[in-house]
Amino acid sequence: MFSDGFVTNDRKLRLTGKTISLVKETTELQFEKAIKTHERLLFKVCWMYARTQTDRDDLYQEIVLQLWHSYPRFRGDAQFSTWLYRVALNTAISGKRRQKDLTVSYEPDKLPVLSETLLPDESDELNRLYAAISRLNEIEKALVMLYLDDHSYDEMESIMGISSGALRVKMNRIKEKLRQLTKNND
């Protein structure tokens, strides 16, 4: 037995309970740090796929839970942010599929208020764009979000698991769809 708690037997290495606890604690700290570093990315996914703050909070927790379960299998073949995006988007998209038959709820303070003195402001164009994006399907939303985050097509392919040709066709169709949707809202 070595002084650090490792026991060897026929070239096999066994960890004592104390060492396993230390490894687990280190892994948890690494995970927490990684989540904190990429928190904004997770918030973007939540904002894109959930309408109310309560739903966003629930989705955030579900994504973090899925990331934690998947963390031991992260091999480092891709950048951590690429892997994180993939898990987050898959969680959000699969969650939306499960909730398709559920009634959409709104927070009372988020409901639009009708006013006779509505004046267009600088954010009208941005609001039209977000309204159009909200009408896209889950995969299209994910691609738009990645595009708006300045991800290269190579990164988008890796994150979404879509071939180069298919991705380029999808992006062209999405751009045209958004043009039509924003044009129709004028």
N, C-alpha and C. Protein backbone atom coordinates (compact mmCIF):
# COMPACT_ATOMS: atom_id res chain seq x y z
N MET A 1 0.85 -1.17 0.00
CA MET A 1 0.00 0.00 0.00
C MET A 1 0.90 1.23 0.00
N PHE A 2 0.55 2.19 -0.85
CA PHE A 2 1.27 3.45 -0.89
C PHE A 2 0.70 4.40 0.16
N SER A 3 1.48 5.42 0.51
CA SER A 3 1.04 6.36 1.56
C SER A 3 -0.14 7.22 1.13
N ASP A 4 -0.42 7.34 -0.18
CA ASP A 4 -1.53 8.18 -0.61
C ASP A 4 -2.85 7.43 -0.70
N GLY A 5 -2.89 6.18 -0.27
CA GLY A 5 -4.15 5.45 -0.23
C GLY A 5 -4.38 4.52 -1.40
N PHE A 6 -3.45 4.45 -2.36
CA PHE A 6 -3.61 3.56 -3.49
C PHE A 6 -3.09 2.17 -3.14
N VAL A 7 -3.82 1.18 -3.57
CA VAL A 7 -3.42 -0.21 -3.35
C VAL A 7 -3.22 -0.84 -4.72
N THR A 8 -2.12 -1.54 -4.90
CA THR A 8 -1.90 -2.21 -6.18
C THR A 8 -1.99 -3.70 -5.99
N ASN A 9 -2.50 -4.38 -6.99
CA ASN A 9 -2.61 -5.82 -6.95
C ASN A 9 -2.66 -6.30 -8.40
N ASP A 10 -1.67 -7.06 -8.83
CA ASP A 10 -1.61 -7.55 -10.20
C ASP A 10 -1.81 -6.43 -11.22
N ARG A 11 -1.08 -5.38 -11.05
CA ARG A 11 -1.10 -4.21 -11.93
C ARG A 11 -2.45 -3.48 -11.97
N LYS A 12 -3.34 -3.77 -11.06
CA LYS A 12 -4.62 -3.05 -10.97
C LYS A 12 -4.50 -2.01 -9.88
N LEU A 13 -5.11 -0.88 -10.10
CA LEU A 13 -5.05 0.21 -9.14
C LEU A 13 -6.44 0.37 -8.52
N ARG A 14 -6.50 0.31 -7.21
CA ARG A 14 -7.78 0.49 -6.51
C ARG A 14 -7.71 1.75 -5.67
N LEU A 15 -8.82 2.43 -5.58
CA LEU A 15 -8.89 3.65 -4.78
C LEU A 15 -9.58 3.37 -3.46
N THR A 16 -9.09 3.98 -2.40
CA THR A 16 -9.76 3.85 -1.11
C THR A 16 -10.95 4.80 -1.09
N GLY A 17 -11.82 4.67 -0.11
CA GLY A 17 -12.98 5.54 0.03
C GLY A 17 -12.59 7.00 0.12
N LYS A 18 -11.49 7.28 0.83
CA LYS A 18 -11.03 8.66 1.00
C LYS A 18 -10.60 9.26 -0.35
N THR A 19 -9.91 8.49 -1.16
CA THR A 19 -9.45 8.96 -2.46
C THR A 19 -10.62 9.14 -3.41
N ILE A 20 -11.56 8.22 -3.40
CA ILE A 20 -12.76 8.34 -4.24
C ILE A 20 -13.51 9.60 -3.88
N SER A 21 -13.65 9.90 -2.60
CA SER A 21 -14.32 11.10 -2.16
C SER A 21 -13.61 12.35 -2.67
N LEU A 22 -12.28 12.35 -2.63
CA LEU A 22 -11.50 13.48 -3.12
C LEU A 22 -11.67 13.66 -4.63
N VAL A 23 -11.66 12.56 -5.38
CA VAL A 23 -11.85 12.61 -6.83
C VAL A 23 -13.25 13.15 -7.15
N LYS A 24 -14.26 12.67 -6.43
CA LYS A 24 -15.63 13.12 -6.65
C LYS A 24 -15.77 14.61 -6.36
N GLU A 25 -15.17 15.07 -5.28
CA GLU A 25 -15.22 16.49 -4.91
C GLU A 25 -14.53 17.35 -5.97
N THR A 26 -13.40 16.90 -6.48
CA THR A 26 -12.68 17.63 -7.53
C THR A 26 -13.53 17.69 -8.79
N THR A 27 -14.15 16.58 -9.17
CA THR A 27 -15.01 16.53 -10.35
C THR A 27 -16.18 17.50 -10.20
N GLU A 28 -16.80 17.53 -9.03
CA GLU A 28 -17.92 18.44 -8.80
C GLU A 28 -17.48 19.89 -8.91
N LEU A 29 -16.32 20.22 -8.37
CA LEU A 29 -15.81 21.59 -8.46
C LEU A 29 -15.51 21.96 -9.90
N GLN A 30 -14.92 21.05 -10.66
CA GLN A 30 -14.64 21.30 -12.07
C GLN A 30 -15.94 21.53 -12.83
N PHE A 31 -16.94 20.71 -12.55
CA PHE A 31 -18.23 20.84 -13.22
C PHE A 31 -18.87 22.18 -12.88
N GLU A 32 -18.91 22.54 -11.60
CA GLU A 32 -19.49 23.82 -11.19
C GLU A 32 -18.79 25.00 -11.87
N LYS A 33 -17.48 24.94 -11.95
CA LYS A 33 -16.71 26.01 -12.58
C LYS A 33 -17.05 26.09 -14.08
N ALA A 34 -17.14 24.95 -14.73
CA ALA A 34 -17.45 24.91 -16.16
C ALA A 34 -18.86 25.46 -16.42
N ILE A 35 -19.81 25.12 -15.58
CA ILE A 35 -21.18 25.62 -15.75
C ILE A 35 -21.20 27.13 -15.55
N LYS A 36 -20.52 27.60 -14.53
CA LYS A 36 -20.46 29.05 -14.26
C LYS A 36 -19.83 29.79 -15.45
N THR A 37 -18.78 29.22 -16.02
CA THR A 37 -18.09 29.83 -17.16
C THR A 37 -19.01 29.95 -18.38
N HIS A 38 -19.87 28.98 -18.57
CA HIS A 38 -20.74 28.93 -19.76
C HIS A 38 -22.20 29.24 -19.43
N GLU A 39 -22.43 29.89 -18.33
CA GLU A 39 -23.78 30.18 -17.87
C GLU A 39 -24.60 30.98 -18.89
N ARG A 40 -23.98 31.95 -19.54
CA ARG A 40 -24.70 32.78 -20.52
C ARG A 40 -25.21 31.94 -21.68
N LEU A 41 -24.43 30.97 -22.10
CA LEU A 41 -24.85 30.08 -23.17
C LEU A 41 -26.11 29.31 -22.75
N LEU A 42 -26.12 28.83 -21.52
CA LEU A 42 -27.30 28.11 -21.02
C LEU A 42 -28.51 29.02 -20.94
N PHE A 43 -28.29 30.27 -20.51
CA PHE A 43 -29.40 31.23 -20.43
C PHE A 43 -29.99 31.48 -21.82
N LYS A 44 -29.15 31.56 -22.84
CA LYS A 44 -29.64 31.79 -24.21
C LYS A 44 -30.54 30.64 -24.65
N VAL A 45 -30.11 29.43 -24.38
CA VAL A 45 -30.93 28.28 -24.75
C VAL A 45 -32.26 28.33 -24.02
N CYS A 46 -32.24 28.65 -22.75
CA CYS A 46 -33.48 28.72 -21.96
C CYS A 46 -34.40 29.81 -22.49
N TRP A 47 -33.86 30.95 -22.84
CA TRP A 47 -34.68 32.05 -23.37
C TRP A 47 -35.28 31.69 -24.72
N MET A 48 -34.55 30.91 -25.50
CA MET A 48 -35.03 30.54 -26.84
C MET A 48 -36.16 29.52 -26.77
N TYR A 49 -36.14 28.63 -25.77
CA TYR A 49 -37.08 27.52 -25.75
C TYR A 49 -38.14 27.58 -24.66
N ALA A 50 -38.10 28.57 -23.79
CA ALA A 50 -39.10 28.66 -22.72
C ALA A 50 -39.69 30.07 -22.71
N ARG A 51 -40.98 30.18 -22.49
CA ARG A 51 -41.66 31.46 -22.57
C ARG A 51 -41.68 32.23 -21.25
N THR A 52 -41.90 31.53 -20.16
CA THR A 52 -42.02 32.22 -18.88
C THR A 52 -40.75 32.02 -18.06
N GLN A 53 -40.56 32.88 -17.08
CA GLN A 53 -39.37 32.75 -16.23
C GLN A 53 -39.37 31.43 -15.47
N THR A 54 -40.54 31.02 -15.04
CA THR A 54 -40.65 29.74 -14.34
C THR A 54 -40.22 28.59 -15.24
N ASP A 55 -40.69 28.62 -16.49
CA ASP A 55 -40.31 27.58 -17.45
C ASP A 55 -38.82 27.64 -17.75
N ARG A 56 -38.26 28.85 -17.82
CA ARG A 56 -36.82 29.00 -18.07
C ARG A 56 -36.02 28.41 -16.91
N ASP A 57 -36.46 28.70 -15.69
CA ASP A 57 -35.78 28.16 -14.51
C ASP A 57 -35.82 26.64 -14.51
N ASP A 58 -36.98 26.08 -14.84
CA ASP A 58 -37.12 24.63 -14.89
C ASP A 58 -36.22 24.03 -15.97
N LEU A 59 -36.20 24.67 -17.14
CA LEU A 59 -35.37 24.18 -18.24
C LEU A 59 -33.90 24.26 -17.87
N TYR A 60 -33.49 25.35 -17.23
CA TYR A 60 -32.10 25.51 -16.80
C TYR A 60 -31.70 24.36 -15.87
N GLN A 61 -32.57 24.06 -14.91
CA GLN A 61 -32.27 22.97 -13.98
C GLN A 61 -32.20 21.63 -14.70
N GLU A 62 -33.11 21.41 -15.64
CA GLU A 62 -33.11 20.16 -16.40
C GLU A 62 -31.83 20.03 -17.23
N ILE A 63 -31.40 21.14 -17.85
CA ILE A 63 -30.17 21.12 -18.65
C ILE A 63 -28.96 20.82 -17.76
N VAL A 64 -28.87 21.49 -16.63
CA VAL A 64 -27.73 21.26 -15.72
C VAL A 64 -27.73 19.81 -15.24
N LEU A 65 -28.90 19.28 -14.94
CA LEU A 65 -29.00 17.88 -14.51
C LEU A 65 -28.51 16.94 -15.63
N GLN A 66 -28.94 17.20 -16.86
CA GLN A 66 -28.50 16.37 -17.98
C GLN A 66 -27.00 16.51 -18.21
N LEU A 67 -26.48 17.72 -18.05
CA LEU A 67 -25.03 17.93 -18.19
C LEU A 67 -24.27 17.14 -17.13
N TRP A 68 -24.78 17.17 -15.90
CA TRP A 68 -24.12 16.44 -14.81
C TRP A 68 -24.10 14.94 -15.09
N HIS A 69 -25.24 14.41 -15.56
CA HIS A 69 -25.30 12.97 -15.87
C HIS A 69 -24.37 12.61 -17.03
N SER A 70 -24.20 13.53 -17.96
CA SER A 70 -23.37 13.28 -19.14
C SER A 70 -21.90 13.61 -18.92
N TYR A 71 -21.61 14.39 -17.91
CA TYR A 71 -20.25 14.89 -17.68
C TYR A 71 -19.18 13.79 -17.62
N PRO A 72 -19.44 12.67 -16.96
CA PRO A 72 -18.41 11.62 -16.93
C PRO A 72 -18.08 11.05 -18.31
N ARG A 73 -19.00 11.20 -19.27
CA ARG A 73 -18.77 10.67 -20.61
C ARG A 73 -18.14 11.71 -21.54
N PHE A 74 -17.94 12.96 -21.06
CA PHE A 74 -17.29 13.97 -21.90
C PHE A 74 -15.83 13.58 -22.05
N ARG A 75 -15.44 13.30 -23.29
CA ARG A 75 -14.09 12.81 -23.56
C ARG A 75 -13.12 13.91 -23.98
N GLY A 76 -13.63 15.06 -24.29
CA GLY A 76 -12.75 16.14 -24.72
C GLY A 76 -12.44 16.09 -26.20
N ASP A 77 -13.19 15.29 -26.97
CA ASP A 77 -12.99 15.24 -28.42
C ASP A 77 -13.34 16.57 -29.08
N ALA A 78 -14.31 17.26 -28.51
CA ALA A 78 -14.74 18.57 -29.00
C ALA A 78 -14.50 19.58 -27.87
N GLN A 79 -14.64 20.84 -28.21
CA GLN A 79 -14.53 21.86 -27.17
C GLN A 79 -15.66 21.65 -26.16
N PHE A 80 -15.40 22.04 -24.93
CA PHE A 80 -16.41 21.88 -23.89
C PHE A 80 -17.69 22.63 -24.25
N SER A 81 -17.55 23.85 -24.79
CA SER A 81 -18.73 24.65 -25.13
C SER A 81 -19.56 23.98 -26.23
N THR A 82 -18.90 23.30 -27.16
CA THR A 82 -19.61 22.59 -28.22
C THR A 82 -20.43 21.45 -27.62
N TRP A 83 -19.80 20.68 -26.74
CA TRP A 83 -20.49 19.58 -26.07
C TRP A 83 -21.66 20.12 -25.23
N LEU A 84 -21.41 21.21 -24.50
CA LEU A 84 -22.43 21.80 -23.65
C LEU A 84 -23.63 22.27 -24.48
N TYR A 85 -23.36 22.95 -25.60
CA TYR A 85 -24.43 23.38 -26.50
C TYR A 85 -25.26 22.19 -26.96
N ARG A 86 -24.57 21.13 -27.34
CA ARG A 86 -25.28 19.95 -27.86
C ARG A 86 -26.21 19.35 -26.79
N VAL A 87 -25.70 19.17 -25.59
CA VAL A 87 -26.52 18.61 -24.51
C VAL A 87 -27.68 19.57 -24.18
N ALA A 88 -27.39 20.87 -24.09
CA ALA A 88 -28.41 21.85 -23.75
C ALA A 88 -29.52 21.89 -24.80
N LEU A 89 -29.13 21.93 -26.06
CA LEU A 89 -30.13 21.98 -27.14
C LEU A 89 -30.93 20.69 -27.21
N ASN A 90 -30.27 19.55 -27.08
CA ASN A 90 -31.00 18.27 -27.09
C ASN A 90 -31.99 18.19 -25.94
N THR A 91 -31.59 18.68 -24.78
CA THR A 91 -32.49 18.68 -23.62
C THR A 91 -33.68 19.59 -23.87
N ALA A 92 -33.42 20.79 -24.38
CA ALA A 92 -34.51 21.75 -24.65
C ALA A 92 -35.45 21.23 -25.71
N ILE A 93 -34.90 20.70 -26.79
CA ILE A 93 -35.72 20.21 -27.89
C ILE A 93 -36.53 18.99 -27.47
N SER A 94 -35.92 18.05 -26.77
CA SER A 94 -36.67 16.87 -26.33
C SER A 94 -37.73 17.26 -25.31
N GLY A 95 -37.46 18.26 -24.49
CA GLY A 95 -38.45 18.75 -23.53
C GLY A 95 -39.64 19.38 -24.24
N LYS A 96 -39.37 20.12 -25.32
CA LYS A 96 -40.46 20.74 -26.09
C LYS A 96 -41.33 19.66 -26.73
N ARG A 97 -40.71 18.60 -27.20
CA ARG A 97 -41.48 17.52 -27.82
C ARG A 97 -42.40 16.85 -26.80
N ARG A 98 -41.89 16.69 -25.56
CA ARG A 98 -42.71 16.07 -24.51
C ARG A 98 -43.86 16.96 -24.10
N GLN A 99 -43.71 18.28 -24.24
CA GLN A 99 -44.72 19.22 -23.75
C GLN A 99 -45.69 19.68 -24.83
N LYS A 100 -45.61 19.15 -26.02
CA LYS A 100 -46.44 19.63 -27.12
C LYS A 100 -47.93 19.68 -26.78
N ASP A 101 -48.40 18.72 -26.02
CA ASP A 101 -49.82 18.65 -25.72
C ASP A 101 -50.22 19.44 -24.48
N LEU A 102 -49.25 20.05 -23.80
CA LEU A 102 -49.55 20.81 -22.60
C LEU A 102 -50.03 22.20 -22.93
N THR A 103 -50.83 22.77 -22.07
CA THR A 103 -51.31 24.14 -22.24
C THR A 103 -50.19 25.10 -21.90
N VAL A 104 -50.05 26.15 -22.71
CA VAL A 104 -49.03 27.16 -22.46
C VAL A 104 -49.52 28.09 -21.38
N SER A 105 -48.66 28.37 -20.39
CA SER A 105 -49.04 29.27 -19.32
C SER A 105 -48.27 30.58 -19.45
N TYR A 106 -48.87 31.64 -18.98
CA TYR A 106 -48.23 32.95 -19.03
C TYR A 106 -48.21 33.55 -17.64
N GLU A 107 -47.14 34.28 -17.35
CA GLU A 107 -47.09 35.02 -16.10
C GLU A 107 -47.90 36.29 -16.31
N PRO A 108 -48.79 36.66 -15.37
CA PRO A 108 -49.65 37.82 -15.57
C PRO A 108 -48.91 39.11 -15.90
N ASP A 109 -47.76 39.33 -15.29
CA ASP A 109 -47.05 40.58 -15.55
C ASP A 109 -46.33 40.58 -16.90
N LYS A 110 -46.33 39.45 -17.60
CA LYS A 110 -45.70 39.36 -18.92
C LYS A 110 -46.71 39.45 -20.06
N LEU A 111 -48.00 39.46 -19.74
CA LEU A 111 -49.01 39.56 -20.78
C LEU A 111 -48.97 40.94 -21.41
N PRO A 112 -49.18 41.03 -22.72
CA PRO A 112 -49.16 42.33 -23.37
C PRO A 112 -50.33 43.19 -22.90
N VAL A 113 -50.07 44.47 -22.79
CA VAL A 113 -51.09 45.42 -22.38
C VAL A 113 -51.46 46.25 -23.59
N LEU A 114 -52.74 46.33 -23.91
CA LEU A 114 -53.18 47.13 -25.04
C LEU A 114 -53.17 48.60 -24.66
N SER A 115 -52.68 49.39 -25.56
CA SER A 115 -52.62 50.83 -25.32
C SER A 115 -52.95 51.56 -26.61
N GLU A 116 -53.67 52.66 -26.49
CA GLU A 116 -54.03 53.44 -27.68
C GLU A 116 -52.86 54.29 -28.15
N THR A 117 -51.86 54.45 -27.32
CA THR A 117 -50.75 55.32 -27.66
C THR A 117 -49.47 54.55 -27.94
N LEU A 118 -49.61 53.39 -28.56
CA LEU A 118 -48.42 52.61 -28.89
C LEU A 118 -47.66 53.32 -30.01
N LEU A 119 -46.42 53.63 -29.74
CA LEU A 119 -45.58 54.27 -30.73
C LEU A 119 -44.45 53.32 -31.10
N PRO A 120 -44.12 53.27 -32.38
CA PRO A 120 -43.00 52.41 -32.75
C PRO A 120 -41.71 52.95 -32.14
N ASP A 121 -40.87 52.06 -31.69
CA ASP A 121 -39.59 52.49 -31.16
C ASP A 121 -38.46 51.73 -31.85
N GLU A 122 -37.27 51.97 -31.42
CA GLU A 122 -36.10 51.38 -32.07
C GLU A 122 -36.08 49.86 -31.99
N SER A 123 -36.77 49.29 -31.04
CA SER A 123 -36.70 47.84 -30.86
C SER A 123 -37.79 47.11 -31.65
N ASP A 124 -38.61 47.82 -32.41
CA ASP A 124 -39.66 47.14 -33.18
C ASP A 124 -39.10 46.11 -34.15
N GLU A 125 -38.02 46.46 -34.82
CA GLU A 125 -37.41 45.54 -35.77
C GLU A 125 -36.90 44.30 -35.05
N LEU A 126 -36.27 44.50 -33.91
CA LEU A 126 -35.76 43.38 -33.12
C LEU A 126 -36.92 42.53 -32.61
N ASN A 127 -37.99 43.17 -32.16
CA ASN A 127 -39.16 42.43 -31.69
C ASN A 127 -39.78 41.60 -32.82
N ARG A 128 -39.83 42.16 -34.03
CA ARG A 128 -40.36 41.40 -35.18
C ARG A 128 -39.48 40.19 -35.46
N LEU A 129 -38.16 40.39 -35.36
CA LEU A 129 -37.25 39.27 -35.59
C LEU A 129 -37.48 38.17 -34.56
N TYR A 130 -37.56 38.55 -33.28
CA TYR A 130 -37.78 37.54 -32.23
C TYR A 130 -39.15 36.88 -32.38
N ALA A 131 -40.14 37.63 -32.79
CA ALA A 131 -41.47 37.04 -33.02
C ALA A 131 -41.39 36.02 -34.15
N ALA A 132 -40.65 36.36 -35.20
CA ALA A 132 -40.48 35.43 -36.32
C ALA A 132 -39.70 34.19 -35.89
N ILE A 133 -38.64 34.38 -35.12
CA ILE A 133 -37.85 33.25 -34.63
C ILE A 133 -38.71 32.32 -33.78
N SER A 134 -39.60 32.90 -32.99
CA SER A 134 -40.45 32.07 -32.12
C SER A 134 -41.38 31.17 -32.92
N ARG A 135 -41.61 31.50 -34.19
CA ARG A 135 -42.49 30.69 -35.04
C ARG A 135 -41.75 29.56 -35.76
N LEU A 136 -40.43 29.52 -35.60
CA LEU A 136 -39.63 28.45 -36.20
C LEU A 136 -39.75 27.18 -35.38
N ASN A 137 -39.43 26.04 -36.01
CA ASN A 137 -39.43 24.80 -35.23
C ASN A 137 -38.17 24.74 -34.36
N GLU A 138 -38.08 23.75 -33.50
CA GLU A 138 -37.01 23.68 -32.51
C GLU A 138 -35.62 23.62 -33.13
N ILE A 139 -35.46 22.85 -34.18
CA ILE A 139 -34.15 22.72 -34.84
C ILE A 139 -33.77 24.04 -35.50
N GLU A 140 -34.72 24.68 -36.16
CA GLU A 140 -34.46 25.97 -36.81
C GLU A 140 -34.06 27.03 -35.78
N LYS A 141 -34.74 27.02 -34.63
CA LYS A 141 -34.39 27.97 -33.56
C LYS A 141 -32.95 27.75 -33.10
N ALA A 142 -32.58 26.50 -32.93
CA ALA A 142 -31.22 26.18 -32.49
C ALA A 142 -30.20 26.68 -33.49
N LEU A 143 -30.46 26.47 -34.77
CA LEU A 143 -29.53 26.92 -35.80
C LEU A 143 -29.42 28.44 -35.83
N VAL A 144 -30.55 29.13 -35.68
CA VAL A 144 -30.53 30.59 -35.65
C VAL A 144 -29.73 31.08 -34.44
N MET A 145 -29.94 30.46 -33.29
CA MET A 145 -29.22 30.87 -32.10
C MET A 145 -27.71 30.70 -32.29
N LEU A 146 -27.31 29.57 -32.84
CA LEU A 146 -25.89 29.34 -33.08
C LEU A 146 -25.34 30.34 -34.10
N TYR A 147 -26.12 30.63 -35.12
CA TYR A 147 -25.72 31.60 -36.14
C TYR A 147 -25.57 32.99 -35.53
N LEU A 148 -26.52 33.38 -34.71
CA LEU A 148 -26.46 34.70 -34.07
C LEU A 148 -25.32 34.79 -33.06
N ASP A 149 -24.88 33.66 -32.54
CA ASP A 149 -23.74 33.62 -31.62
C ASP A 149 -22.42 33.54 -32.38
N ASP A 150 -22.46 33.74 -33.68
CA ASP A 150 -21.26 33.75 -34.54
C ASP A 150 -20.49 32.44 -34.57
N HIS A 151 -21.21 31.33 -34.46
CA HIS A 151 -20.55 30.03 -34.60
C HIS A 151 -20.32 29.77 -36.08
N SER A 152 -19.19 29.17 -36.38
CA SER A 152 -18.88 28.81 -37.77
C SER A 152 -19.78 27.65 -38.18
N TYR A 153 -19.86 27.43 -39.47
CA TYR A 153 -20.66 26.31 -39.96
C TYR A 153 -20.07 24.98 -39.46
N ASP A 154 -18.75 24.90 -39.36
CA ASP A 154 -18.12 23.68 -38.84
C ASP A 154 -18.57 23.42 -37.40
N GLU A 155 -18.59 24.47 -36.58
CA GLU A 155 -19.03 24.31 -35.19
C GLU A 155 -20.51 23.93 -35.14
N MET A 156 -21.32 24.56 -36.00
CA MET A 156 -22.75 24.26 -36.02
C MET A 156 -22.97 22.80 -36.43
N GLU A 157 -22.19 22.32 -37.39
CA GLU A 157 -22.29 20.92 -37.81
C GLU A 157 -21.99 19.99 -36.64
N SER A 158 -20.93 20.32 -35.90
CA SER A 158 -20.51 19.49 -34.78
C SER A 158 -21.56 19.49 -33.67
N ILE A 159 -22.08 20.65 -33.35
CA ILE A 159 -23.05 20.77 -32.27
C ILE A 159 -24.36 20.07 -32.62
N MET A 160 -24.84 20.31 -33.84
CA MET A 160 -26.15 19.80 -34.23
C MET A 160 -26.11 18.42 -34.88
N GLY A 161 -24.93 17.98 -35.28
CA GLY A 161 -24.82 16.67 -35.93
C GLY A 161 -25.47 16.65 -37.30
N ILE A 162 -25.37 17.76 -38.01
CA ILE A 162 -25.96 17.89 -39.35
C ILE A 162 -24.81 18.01 -40.35
N SER A 163 -24.92 17.33 -41.48
CA SER A 163 -23.86 17.38 -42.48
C SER A 163 -23.75 18.78 -43.07
N SER A 164 -22.61 19.07 -43.65
CA SER A 164 -22.32 20.40 -44.20
C SER A 164 -23.35 20.82 -45.23
N GLY A 165 -23.63 19.95 -46.18
CA GLY A 165 -24.59 20.29 -47.24
C GLY A 165 -25.98 20.54 -46.69
N ALA A 166 -26.43 19.65 -45.82
CA ALA A 166 -27.77 19.80 -45.23
C ALA A 166 -27.86 21.07 -44.39
N LEU A 167 -26.78 21.39 -43.66
CA LEU A 167 -26.77 22.59 -42.83
C LEU A 167 -26.90 23.84 -43.69
N ARG A 168 -26.16 23.91 -44.76
CA ARG A 168 -26.21 25.08 -45.63
C ARG A 168 -27.59 25.25 -46.27
N VAL A 169 -28.19 24.15 -46.68
CA VAL A 169 -29.55 24.22 -47.24
C VAL A 169 -30.53 24.70 -46.18
N LYS A 170 -30.44 24.12 -44.98
CA LYS A 170 -31.34 24.52 -43.89
C LYS A 170 -31.18 26.01 -43.57
N MET A 171 -29.95 26.48 -43.50
CA MET A 171 -29.71 27.90 -43.17
C MET A 171 -30.30 28.82 -44.24
N ASN A 172 -30.16 28.46 -45.50
CA ASN A 172 -30.75 29.27 -46.57
C ASN A 172 -32.27 29.29 -46.46
N ARG A 173 -32.86 28.15 -46.16
CA ARG A 173 -34.32 28.08 -46.01
C ARG A 173 -34.79 28.88 -44.79
N ILE A 174 -34.03 28.80 -43.71
CA ILE A 174 -34.39 29.54 -42.49
C ILE A 174 -34.32 31.04 -42.76
N LYS A 175 -33.26 31.49 -43.42
CA LYS A 175 -33.12 32.92 -43.73
C LYS A 175 -34.30 33.40 -44.57
N GLU A 176 -34.68 32.62 -45.56
CA GLU A 176 -35.81 33.01 -46.41
C GLU A 176 -37.11 32.99 -45.60
N LYS A 177 -37.27 32.02 -44.75
CA LYS A 177 -38.47 31.92 -43.91
C LYS A 177 -38.56 33.14 -42.99
N LEU A 178 -37.44 33.55 -42.40
CA LEU A 178 -37.43 34.73 -41.53
C LEU A 178 -37.72 36.00 -42.31
N ARG A 179 -37.20 36.10 -43.54
CA ARG A 179 -37.52 37.26 -44.39
C ARG A 179 -39.02 37.36 -44.61
N GLN A 180 -39.62 36.22 -44.93
CA GLN A 180 -41.06 36.20 -45.18
C GLN A 180 -41.87 36.52 -43.92
N LEU A 181 -41.46 35.94 -42.81
CA LEU A 181 -42.18 36.17 -41.56
C LEU A 181 -42.06 37.62 -41.09
N THR A 182 -40.90 38.22 -41.23
CA THR A 182 -40.75 39.63 -40.82
C THR A 182 -41.40 40.56 -41.82
N LYS A 183 -41.43 40.17 -43.08
CA LYS A 183 -42.08 40.98 -44.12
C LYS A 183 -43.59 40.99 -43.91
N ASN A 184 -44.15 39.84 -43.55
CA ASN A 184 -45.59 39.72 -43.35
C ASN A 184 -46.07 40.49 -42.12
N ASN A 185 -45.15 40.75 -41.18
CA ASN A 185 -45.53 41.47 -39.96
C ASN A 185 -45.51 42.98 -40.14
N ASP A 186 -45.07 43.48 -41.29
CA ASP A 186 -45.02 44.93 -41.50
C ASP A 186 -46.39 45.52 -41.68
